[in-house]
C-alpha atoms as a PDB file:
ATOM      1  CA  MET A   1      18.339  17.821   0.315  1.00  0.00           C
ATOM      2  CA  SER A   2      14.990  19.270   1.415  1.00  0.00           C
ATOM      3  CA  ALA A   3      14.279  20.467  -2.121  1.00  0.00           C
ATOM      4  CA  GLU A   4      15.052  17.006  -3.493  1.00  0.00           C
ATOM      5  CA  VAL A   5      12.771  15.347  -0.940  1.00  0.00           C
ATOM      6  CA  ASP A   6      10.004  17.805  -1.794  1.00  0.00           C
ATOM      7  CA  ARG A   7      10.455  17.029  -5.491  1.00  0.00           C
ATOM      8  CA  GLN A   8      10.250  13.281  -4.845  1.00  0.00           C
ATOM      9  CA  ARG A   9       7.126  13.757  -2.748  1.00  0.00           C
ATOM     10  CA  GLU A  10       5.427  15.833  -5.438  1.00  0.00           C
ATOM     11  CA  GLU A  11       6.323  13.303  -8.136  1.00  0.00           C
ATOM     12  CA  MET A  12       4.954  10.469  -6.021  1.00  0.00           C
ATOM     13  CA  ARG A  13       1.703  12.340  -5.345  1.00  0.00           C
ATOM     14  CA  ALA A  14       1.301  13.174  -9.037  1.00  0.00           C
ATOM     15  CA  ARG A  15       1.727   9.508  -9.982  1.00  0.00           C
ATOM     16  CA  TRP A  16      -0.910   8.408  -7.481  1.00  0.00           C
ATOM     17  CA  ASP A  17      -3.249  11.163  -8.648  1.00  0.00           C
ATOM     18  CA  ARG A  18      -2.841   9.919 -12.197  1.00  0.00           C
ATOM     19  CA  GLY A  19      -3.264   6.276 -11.200  1.00  0.00           C
ATOM     20  CA  ALA A  20      -6.406   6.817  -9.112  1.00  0.00           C
ATOM     21  CA  GLN A  21      -8.834   5.964 -11.897  1.00  0.00           C
ATOM     22  CA  GLY A  22      -7.069   2.663 -12.490  1.00  0.00           C
ATOM     23  CA  TRP A  23      -7.412   1.889  -8.795  1.00  0.00           C
ATOM     24  CA  ARG A  24     -11.088   2.782  -9.053  1.00  0.00           C
ATOM     25  CA  ARG A  25     -11.528   0.250 -11.871  1.00  0.00           C
ATOM     26  CA  ARG A  26      -9.635  -2.434  -9.965  1.00  0.00           C
ATOM     27  CA  ALA A  27     -10.858  -1.658  -6.450  1.00  0.00           C
ATOM     28  CA  ASP A  28     -12.706  -4.946  -5.973  1.00  0.00           C
ATOM     29  CA  SER A  29      -9.743  -7.062  -7.077  1.00  0.00           C
ATOM     30  CA  VAL A  30      -7.402  -4.967  -4.902  1.00  0.00           C
ATOM     31  CA  MET A  31      -9.704  -5.588  -1.946  1.00  0.00           C
ATOM     32  CA  ALA A  32      -9.715  -9.351  -2.555  1.00  0.00           C
ATOM     33  CA  PHE A  33      -5.945  -9.444  -3.054  1.00  0.00           C
ATOM     34  CA  GLY A  34      -5.231  -7.504   0.130  1.00  0.00           C
ATOM     35  CA  LEU A  35      -7.865  -9.153   2.323  1.00  0.00           C
ATOM     36  CA  PRO A  36      -5.488 -11.555   4.152  1.00  0.00           C
ATOM     37  CA  VAL A  37      -3.282  -8.625   5.138  1.00  0.00           C
ATOM     38  CA  SER A  38      -6.159  -6.311   6.081  1.00  0.00           C
ATOM     39  CA  ALA A  39      -7.802  -9.053   8.134  1.00  0.00           C
ATOM     40  CA  ARG A  40      -4.578  -9.693  10.064  1.00  0.00           C
ATOM     41  CA  MET A  41      -4.104  -5.980  10.709  1.00  0.00           C
ATOM     42  CA  VAL A  42      -7.657  -5.563  11.991  1.00  0.00           C
ATOM     43  CA  GLU A  43      -7.328  -8.652  14.173  1.00  0.00           C
ATOM     44  CA  ASP A  44      -4.041  -7.423  15.651  1.00  0.00           C
ATOM     45  CA  LEU A  45      -5.359  -3.913  16.195  1.00  0.00           C
ATOM     46  CA  ALA A  46      -8.558  -5.126  17.911  1.00  0.00           C
ATOM     47  CA  PRO A  47     -10.507  -1.852  17.468  1.00  0.00           C
ATOM     48  CA  GLN A  48     -13.257  -1.117  20.003  1.00  0.00           C
ATOM     49  CA  PRO A  49     -16.594   0.736  19.834  1.00  0.00           C
ATOM     50  CA  GLY A  50     -16.215   4.448  20.461  1.00  0.00           C
ATOM     51  CA  GLN A  51     -12.585   4.696  19.376  1.00  0.00           C
ATOM     52  CA  THR A  52     -11.143   7.077  16.800  1.00  0.00           C
ATOM     53  CA  VAL A  53      -8.962   5.265  14.246  1.00  0.00           C
ATOM     54  CA  LEU A  54      -6.736   6.951  11.668  1.00  0.00           C
ATOM     55  CA  GLU A  55      -5.966   5.207   8.390  1.00  0.00           C
ATOM     56  CA  LEU A  56      -2.973   6.625   6.507  1.00  0.00           C
ATOM     57  CA  ALA A  57      -2.246   6.068   2.789  1.00  0.00           C
ATOM     58  CA  ALA A  58      -5.742   4.581   2.636  1.00  0.00           C
ATOM     59  CA  GLY A  59      -6.027   4.305  -1.143  1.00  0.00           C
ATOM     60  CA  PRO A  60      -9.525   2.883  -1.840  1.00  0.00           C
ATOM     61  CA  GLY A  61     -10.034   2.697   1.933  1.00  0.00           C
ATOM     62  CA  ASP A  62     -10.834  -0.991   2.356  1.00  0.00           C
ATOM     63  CA  THR A  63      -8.819  -1.698   5.512  1.00  0.00           C
ATOM     64  CA  GLY A  64     -10.275   1.288   7.318  1.00  0.00           C
ATOM     65  CA  PHE A  65     -13.785   0.431   6.172  1.00  0.00           C
ATOM     66  CA  MET A  66     -13.402  -3.010   7.783  1.00  0.00           C
ATOM     67  CA  ILE A  67     -12.434  -1.273  11.017  1.00  0.00           C
ATOM     68  CA  SER A  68     -15.288   1.262  10.853  1.00  0.00           C
ATOM     69  CA  GLU A  69     -17.852  -1.450  11.471  1.00  0.00           C
ATOM     70  CA  GLN A  70     -16.252  -2.222  14.836  1.00  0.00           C
ATOM     71  CA  LEU A  71     -16.212   1.430  15.950  1.00  0.00           C
ATOM     72  CA  ARG A  72     -19.985   1.898  15.917  1.00  0.00           C
ATOM     73  CA  PRO A  73     -22.091   3.443  17.262  1.00  0.00           C
ATOM     74  CA  SER A  74     -20.040   6.382  18.572  1.00  0.00           C
ATOM     75  CA  GLY A  75     -16.565   5.827  17.154  1.00  0.00           C
ATOM     76  CA  ARG A  76     -15.191   7.174  13.892  1.00  0.00           C
ATOM     77  CA  LEU A  77     -12.673   6.435  11.197  1.00  0.00           C
ATOM     78  CA  ILE A  78     -10.410   9.108   9.695  1.00  0.00           C
ATOM     79  CA  SER A  79      -9.567   7.890   6.192  1.00  0.00           C
ATOM     80  CA  SER A  80      -6.611   9.782   4.745  1.00  0.00           C
ATOM     81  CA  ASP A  81      -4.295   9.816   1.763  1.00  0.00           C
ATOM     82  CA  ALA A  82      -1.752  12.229   0.277  1.00  0.00           C
ATOM     83  CA  SER A  83      -3.556  12.013  -3.074  1.00  0.00           C
ATOM     84  CA  GLU A  84      -6.848  13.889  -3.331  1.00  0.00           C
ATOM     85  CA  ALA A  85      -7.789  11.752  -6.357  1.00  0.00           C
ATOM     86  CA  MET A  86      -7.371   8.589  -4.290  1.00  0.00           C
ATOM     87  CA  LEU A  87      -9.436  10.102  -1.501  1.00  0.00           C
ATOM     88  CA  GLU A  88     -12.233  10.644  -4.002  1.00  0.00           C
ATOM     89  CA  VAL A  89     -12.163   6.931  -4.825  1.00  0.00           C
ATOM     90  CA  ALA A  90     -12.429   6.115  -1.111  1.00  0.00           C
ATOM     91  CA  ARG A  91     -15.302   8.596  -0.633  1.00  0.00           C
ATOM     92  CA  ASP A  92     -17.273   6.973  -3.433  1.00  0.00           C
ATOM     93  CA  ARG A  93     -16.658   3.465  -2.115  1.00  0.00           C
ATOM     94  CA  ALA A  94     -17.745   4.475   1.385  1.00  0.00           C
ATOM     95  CA  ALA A  95     -20.966   5.904  -0.047  1.00  0.00           C
ATOM     96  CA  GLN A  96     -21.587   2.724  -2.040  1.00  0.00           C
ATOM     97  CA  GLN A  97     -21.126   0.620   1.103  1.00  0.00           C
ATOM     98  CA  GLY A  98     -23.250   2.885   3.305  1.00  0.00           C
ATOM     99  CA  ILE A  99     -20.371   3.738   5.671  1.00  0.00           C
ATOM    100  CA  ALA A 100     -21.283   6.893   7.546  1.00  0.00           C
ATOM    101  CA  ASN A 101     -18.892   7.032  10.525  1.00  0.00           C
ATOM    102  CA  VAL A 102     -15.931   8.144   8.414  1.00  0.00           C
ATOM    103  CA  GLU A 103     -14.207  11.488   7.848  1.00  0.00           C
ATOM    104  CA  PHE A 104     -11.877  11.994   4.876  1.00  0.00           C
ATOM    105  CA  LYS A 105      -8.714  14.105   5.098  1.00  0.00           C
ATOM    106  CA  ARG A 106      -5.717  14.682   2.862  1.00  0.00           C
ATOM    107  CA  LEU A 107      -2.710  13.931   5.073  1.00  0.00           C
ATOM    108  CA  GLU A 108       0.991  13.309   4.519  1.00  0.00           C
ATOM    109  CA  LEU A 109       2.660  10.490   6.428  1.00  0.00           C
ATOM    110  CA  GLU A 110       5.708  12.567   7.344  1.00  0.00           C
ATOM    111  CA  TRP A 111       3.653  15.406   8.834  1.00  0.00           C
ATOM    112  CA  ILE A 112       0.244  14.319  10.087  1.00  0.00           C
ATOM    113  CA  ASP A 113      -1.931  17.409  10.471  1.00  0.00           C
ATOM    114  CA  LEU A 114      -3.771  16.220  13.578  1.00  0.00           C
ATOM    115  CA  PRO A 115      -3.430  17.157  17.270  1.00  0.00           C
ATOM    116  CA  THR A 116      -1.100  15.227  19.551  1.00  0.00           C
ATOM    117  CA  ALA A 117      -2.701  12.235  21.317  1.00  0.00           C
ATOM    118  CA  SER A 118      -5.916  12.571  19.317  1.00  0.00           C
ATOM    119  CA  VAL A 119      -6.505   9.019  17.998  1.00  0.00           C
ATOM    120  CA  ASP A 120      -6.726   5.590  19.592  1.00  0.00           C
ATOM    121  CA  ALA A 121      -5.191   3.603  16.751  1.00  0.00           C
ATOM    122  CA  VAL A 122      -3.357   4.069  13.453  1.00  0.00           C
ATOM    123  CA  VAL A 123      -3.435   1.728  10.484  1.00  0.00           C
ATOM    124  CA  CYS A 124      -1.315   2.024   7.335  1.00  0.00           C
ATOM    125  CA  ARG A 125      -1.343  -0.705   4.695  1.00  0.00           C
ATOM    126  CA  TRP A 126       1.412  -0.539   2.044  1.00  0.00           C
ATOM    127  CA  GLY A 127       2.177   3.164   2.362  1.00  0.00           C
ATOM    128  CA  LEU A 128       5.159   3.607   4.698  1.00  0.00           C
ATOM    129  CA  MET A 129       7.753   2.235   2.244  1.00  0.00           C
ATOM    130  CA  PHE A 130       6.985   5.008  -0.265  1.00  0.00           C
ATOM    131  CA  VAL A 131       7.951   7.934   1.980  1.00  0.00           C
ATOM    132  CA  SER A 132      11.385   9.536   1.979  1.00  0.00           C
ATOM    133  CA  ASP A 133      11.663   9.479   5.777  1.00  0.00           C
ATOM    134  CA  PRO A 134       9.870   6.488   7.320  1.00  0.00           C
ATOM    135  CA  ALA A 135      11.407   7.262  10.723  1.00  0.00           C
ATOM    136  CA  ALA A 136       9.741  10.688  10.742  1.00  0.00           C
ATOM    137  CA  SER A 137       6.452   9.100   9.674  1.00  0.00           C
ATOM    138  CA  LEU A 138       6.568   6.623  12.555  1.00  0.00           C
ATOM    139  CA  GLN A 139       7.369   9.416  15.007  1.00  0.00           C
ATOM    140  CA  GLU A 140       4.329  11.306  13.724  1.00  0.00           C
ATOM    141  CA  MET A 141       2.135   8.212  14.108  1.00  0.00           C
ATOM    142  CA  ARG A 142       3.275   7.848  17.683  1.00  0.00           C
ATOM    143  CA  ARG A 143       2.686  11.567  18.333  1.00  0.00           C
ATOM    144  CA  VAL A 144      -0.967  11.478  17.248  1.00  0.00           C
ATOM    145  CA  LEU A 145      -1.641   8.265  19.198  1.00  0.00           C
ATOM    146  CA  ARG A 146      -2.988   8.449  22.719  1.00  0.00           C
ATOM    147  CA  PRO A 147      -0.787   6.725  25.349  1.00  0.00           C
ATOM    148  CA  GLY A 148      -1.267   2.995  24.967  1.00  0.00           C
ATOM    149  CA  GLY A 149      -2.703   3.381  21.475  1.00  0.00           C
ATOM    150  CA  ARG A 150      -1.652   0.908  18.823  1.00  0.00           C
ATOM    151  CA  ALA A 151      -0.354   1.079  15.273  1.00  0.00           C
ATOM    152  CA  ALA A 152      -0.831  -1.659  12.671  1.00  0.00           C
ATOM    153  CA  LEU A 153       1.404  -1.359   9.611  1.00  0.00           C
ATOM    154  CA  ALA A 154       1.960  -3.431   6.490  1.00  0.00           C
ATOM    155  CA  VAL A 155       4.849  -3.214   4.029  1.00  0.00           C
ATOM    156  CA  TRP A 156       5.963  -5.551   1.267  1.00  0.00           C
ATOM    157  CA  GLY A 157       8.543  -8.232   1.896  1.00  0.00           C
ATOM    158  CA  ALA A 158      11.644  -8.737  -0.240  1.00  0.00           C
ATOM    159  CA  PRO A 159      11.428  -8.678  -4.072  1.00  0.00           C
ATOM    160  CA  GLU A 160      12.240 -12.367  -4.401  1.00  0.00           C
ATOM    161  CA  VAL A 161       9.105 -13.382  -2.480  1.00  0.00           C
ATOM    162  CA  ASN A 162       6.865 -11.030  -4.479  1.00  0.00           C
ATOM    163  CA  PRO A 163       7.088 -12.132  -8.125  1.00  0.00           C
ATOM    164  CA  TRP A 164       3.580 -10.760  -8.700  1.00  0.00           C
ATOM    165  CA  ALA A 165       5.131  -7.278  -8.402  1.00  0.00           C
ATOM    166  CA  THR A 166       8.568  -7.777  -9.942  1.00  0.00           C
ATOM    167  CA  ALA A 167       7.811  -9.446 -13.293  1.00  0.00           C
ATOM    168  CA  THR A 168       6.983  -6.237 -15.178  1.00  0.00           C
ATOM    169  CA  THR A 169       9.938  -4.285 -13.789  1.00  0.00           C
ATOM    170  CA  ARG A 170      12.328  -7.152 -14.467  1.00  0.00           C
ATOM    171  CA  ALA A 171      11.129  -7.428 -18.077  1.00  0.00           C
ATOM    172  CA  LEU A 172      11.413  -3.656 -18.614  1.00  0.00           C
ATOM    173  CA  VAL A 173      14.975  -3.636 -17.258  1.00  0.00           C
ATOM    174  CA  GLU A 174      16.087  -6.724 -19.191  1.00  0.00           C
ATOM    175  CA  LEU A 175      14.753  -5.281 -22.464  1.00  0.00           C
ATOM    176  CA  GLY A 176      16.420  -1.911 -21.876  1.00  0.00           C
ATOM    177  CA  HIS A 177      13.258   0.117 -21.294  1.00  0.00           C
ATOM    178  CA  ALA A 178      13.992   1.044 -17.680  1.00  0.00           C
ATOM    179  CA  GLU A 179      16.866   1.450 -15.264  1.00  0.00           C
ATOM    180  CA  PRO A 180      17.191  -1.033 -12.393  1.00  0.00           C
ATOM    181  CA  PRO A 181      15.364   0.243  -9.295  1.00  0.00           C
ATOM    182  CA  ASP A 182      17.477   1.978  -6.674  1.00  0.00           C
ATOM    183  CA  PRO A 183      17.238  -0.294  -3.606  1.00  0.00           C
ATOM    184  CA  THR A 184      17.991   2.655  -1.311  1.00  0.00           C
ATOM    185  CA  ALA A 185      15.190   4.872  -2.667  1.00  0.00           C
ATOM    186  CA  PRO A 186      11.580   4.922  -1.440  1.00  0.00           C
ATOM    187  CA  GLY A 187       9.628   2.160  -3.140  1.00  0.00           C
ATOM    188  CA  MET A 188       7.728  -1.088  -2.748  1.00  0.00           C
ATOM    189  CA  PHE A 189      10.558  -3.058  -1.164  1.00  0.00           C
ATOM    190  CA  ALA A 190      12.335  -0.335   0.795  1.00  0.00           C
ATOM    191  CA  LEU A 191      11.203  -1.811   4.147  1.00  0.00           C
ATOM    192  CA  GLY A 192      11.212  -5.493   3.232  1.00  0.00           C
ATOM    193  CA  ASP A 193      13.547  -6.367   6.133  1.00  0.00           C
ATOM    194  CA  GLY A 194      11.466  -7.202   9.194  1.00  0.00           C
ATOM    195  CA  ALA A 195      14.349  -6.521  11.580  1.00  0.00           C
ATOM    196  CA  ARG A 196      14.772  -3.014  10.176  1.00  0.00           C
ATOM    197  CA  LEU A 197      11.040  -2.330  10.433  1.00  0.00           C
ATOM    198  CA  ARG A 198      11.040  -3.391  14.082  1.00  0.00           C
ATOM    199  CA  GLU A 199      14.100  -1.222  14.746  1.00  0.00           C
ATOM    200  CA  LEU A 200      12.409   1.809  13.162  1.00  0.00           C
ATOM    201  CA  LEU A 201       9.332   1.284  15.331  1.00  0.00           C
ATOM    202  CA  GLU A 202      11.396   1.009  18.505  1.00  0.00           C
ATOM    203  CA  SER A 203      13.507   4.051  17.584  1.00  0.00           C
ATOM    204  CA  ALA A 204      10.274   6.041  17.180  1.00  0.00           C
ATOM    205  CA  GLY A 205       9.340   5.150  20.759  1.00  0.00           C
ATOM    206  CA  PHE A 206       6.941   2.278  20.131  1.00  0.00           C
ATOM    207  CA  VAL A 207       7.025  -0.729  22.455  1.00  0.00           C
ATOM    208  CA  GLU A 208       5.915  -4.348  22.131  1.00  0.00           C
ATOM    209  CA  ALA A 209       6.697  -4.225  18.402  1.00  0.00           C
ATOM    210  CA  HIS A 210       5.927  -7.488  16.634  1.00  0.00           C
ATOM    211  CA  VAL A 211       6.401  -8.294  12.935  1.00  0.00           C
ATOM    212  CA  GLU A 212       4.843 -11.273  11.168  1.00  0.00           C
ATOM    213  CA  LEU A 213       4.561 -12.570   7.602  1.00  0.00           C
ATOM    214  CA  VAL A 214       1.291 -12.810   5.684  1.00  0.00           C
ATOM    215  CA  ASP A 215       1.065 -14.565   2.319  1.00  0.00           C
ATOM    216  CA  VAL A 216      -1.114 -13.279  -0.519  1.00  0.00           C
ATOM    217  CA  ALA A 217      -1.753 -14.386  -4.105  1.00  0.00           C
ATOM    218  CA  ARG A 218      -2.498 -12.313  -7.165  1.00  0.00           C
ATOM    219  CA  ILE A 219      -5.045 -14.056  -9.366  1.00  0.00           C
ATOM    220  CA  SER A 220      -5.287 -13.235 -13.093  1.00  0.00           C
ATOM    221  CA  SER A 221      -7.009 -14.936 -16.009  1.00  0.00           C
ATOM    222  CA  GLY A 222      -3.762 -14.809 -17.987  1.00  0.00           C
ATOM    223  CA  VAL A 223      -0.793 -12.666 -18.932  1.00  0.00           C
ATOM    224  CA  GLU A 224      -2.897 -10.170 -20.878  1.00  0.00           C
ATOM    225  CA  ASP A 225      -5.151  -9.597 -17.869  1.00  0.00           C
ATOM    226  CA  TYR A 226      -2.112  -9.382 -15.580  1.00  0.00           C
ATOM    227  CA  LEU A 227      -0.511  -6.689 -17.748  1.00  0.00           C
ATOM    228  CA  ALA A 228      -3.733  -4.693 -18.062  1.00  0.00           C
ATOM    229  CA  GLU A 229      -4.184  -4.742 -14.304  1.00  0.00           C
ATOM    230  CA  SER A 230      -0.526  -3.790 -13.790  1.00  0.00           C
ATOM    231  CA  ALA A 231      -1.000  -0.751 -16.039  1.00  0.00           C
ATOM    232  CA  ASP A 232      -4.042   0.273 -13.977  1.00  0.00           C
ATOM    233  CA  LEU A 233      -2.365  -0.135 -10.586  1.00  0.00           C
ATOM    234  CA  ASN A 234       1.288   0.775 -11.194  1.00  0.00           C
ATOM    235  CA  PRO A 235       1.768   4.341 -12.461  1.00  0.00           C
ATOM    236  CA  LEU A 236       5.426   3.693 -13.310  1.00  0.00           C
ATOM    237  CA  PHE A 237       4.535   0.697 -15.463  1.00  0.00           C
ATOM    238  CA  LEU A 238       1.802   2.698 -17.183  1.00  0.00           C
ATOM    239  CA  GLU A 239       4.345   5.406 -18.032  1.00  0.00           C
ATOM    240  CA  ALA A 240       6.702   2.795 -19.495  1.00  0.00           C
ATOM    241  CA  ARG A 241       3.849   1.169 -21.448  1.00  0.00           C
ATOM    242  CA  GLU A 242       2.991   4.482 -23.082  1.00  0.00           C
ATOM    243  CA  ARG A 243       6.508   5.263 -24.286  1.00  0.00           C
ATOM    244  CA  ILE A 244       7.431   1.952 -25.962  1.00  0.00           C
ATOM    245  CA  SER A 245       6.498   0.905 -29.492  1.00  0.00           C
ATOM    246  CA  PRO A 246       3.962  -1.825 -30.407  1.00  0.00           C
ATOM    247  CA  GLU A 247       6.812  -4.173 -31.323  1.00  0.00           C
ATOM    248  CA  GLN A 248       8.553  -3.515 -28.010  1.00  0.00           C
ATOM    249  CA  TRP A 249       5.261  -4.126 -26.193  1.00  0.00           C
ATOM    250  CA  ARG A 250       4.944  -7.543 -27.854  1.00  0.00           C
ATOM    251  CA  GLU A 251       8.486  -8.391 -26.768  1.00  0.00           C
ATOM    252  CA  LEU A 252       7.630  -7.292 -23.250  1.00  0.00           C
ATOM    253  CA  GLN A 253       4.484  -9.433 -23.196  1.00  0.00           C
ATOM    254  CA  ALA A 254       6.513 -12.472 -24.271  1.00  0.00           C
ATOM    255  CA  ARG A 255       9.166 -11.916 -21.597  1.00  0.00           C
ATOM    256  CA  VAL A 256       6.581 -11.414 -18.844  1.00  0.00           C
ATOM    257  CA  ALA A 257       4.863 -14.633 -19.978  1.00  0.00           C
ATOM    258  CA  GLU A 258       8.169 -16.477 -19.556  1.00  0.00           C
ATOM    259  CA  LEU A 259       8.725 -15.053 -16.096  1.00  0.00           C
ATOM    260  CA  LEU A 260       5.207 -15.970 -14.961  1.00  0.00           C
ATOM    261  CA  ALA A 261       5.111 -19.452 -16.533  1.00  0.00           C
ATOM    262  CA  PRO A 262       5.872 -21.165 -13.179  1.00  0.00           C
ATOM    263  CA  PHE A 263       2.661 -19.714 -11.765  1.00  0.00           C
ATOM    264  CA  GLU A 264       0.232 -20.883 -14.446  1.00  0.00           C
ATOM    265  CA  THR A 265      -2.825 -22.782 -13.250  1.00  0.00           C
ATOM    266  CA  GLU A 266      -4.470 -25.734 -14.990  1.00  0.00           C
ATOM    267  CA  GLY A 267      -7.089 -23.522 -16.607  1.00  0.00           C
ATOM    268  CA  GLY A 268      -4.496 -21.203 -18.139  1.00  0.00           C
ATOM    269  CA  GLY A 269      -4.783 -18.517 -15.486  1.00  0.00           C
ATOM    270  CA  LEU A 270      -2.155 -17.231 -13.080  1.00  0.00           C
ATOM    271  CA  ARG A 271      -1.774 -17.512  -9.328  1.00  0.00           C
ATOM    272  CA  ILE A 272       1.277 -15.463  -8.395  1.00  0.00           C
ATOM    273  CA  PRO A 273       2.496 -15.494  -4.781  1.00  0.00           C
ATOM    274  CA  GLY A 274       3.426 -12.551  -2.600  1.00  0.00           C
ATOM    275  CA  ARG A 275       4.390 -11.879   0.971  1.00  0.00           C
ATOM    276  CA  SER A 276       3.715  -8.875   3.185  1.00  0.00           C
ATOM    277  CA  LEU A 277       5.119  -7.927   6.562  1.00  0.00           C
ATOM    278  CA  VAL A 278       2.541  -6.895   9.155  1.00  0.00           C
ATOM    279  CA  ALA A 279       3.713  -5.033  12.247  1.00  0.00           C
ATOM    280  CA  ILE A 280       1.799  -4.175  15.413  1.00  0.00           C
ATOM    281  CA  ALA A 281       3.196  -1.872  18.101  1.00  0.00           C
ATOM    282  CA  THR A 282       2.058   0.172  21.104  1.00  0.00           C
ATOM    283  CA  ALA A 283       2.690   3.873  21.721  1.00  0.00           C
END
């Protein structure tokens, strides 16, 4: 079992390493898309000047960068990710934004290489659902938190309330280009049940756990733009795109257009809804 978990972890890291350049290209749109969730997390966390805050699975780093402003002058942000390529994207974005009170570290969620009780707060947006053992990850978050420290987490809600994310996978499966996702495996919707997320937090020793819903919307100029962005941001979709023929790609485009037709705007663009769970809890 350990060997299988290690293999899954390595595959996941390799996909994110490969997808990092796509995230670099789309970083501004990712920031705009995720802003309602990041803003709620920062508000719930209420960071204070002088604190040390750890961001896990930071990706381009936007949520942590929002927090860094509130930690000045003496506080610091630790921006971390399991993918070194993604960390490089975050480093560049921090430099572009003039953010100096940040340290970058490559860290795994299931084993956080930091001392016990060494940070005041932990934030993790859309990372926990990808790990093989979310319970172990939450226990590690609690371990590195000082007593009374807080964790703010975001995971995706159920597939049916996130059509922005499911249209490509559904089309691939329907057209025979992919197997249906395993609902029990790590993935986008693995923690879409708010009751389960709260239970995991409480089992890890957190108290005052609270889970709320935050709506988002993915904006695209049309299906072609939506598919191009999906290929940049979703390594699995990019892999599928590269192995199908031009004719199969045209069929896929047509099916995705049908699935997204309910979300067309008057100008021919797309506004596709989504829903995230945001949890806040105290160590």
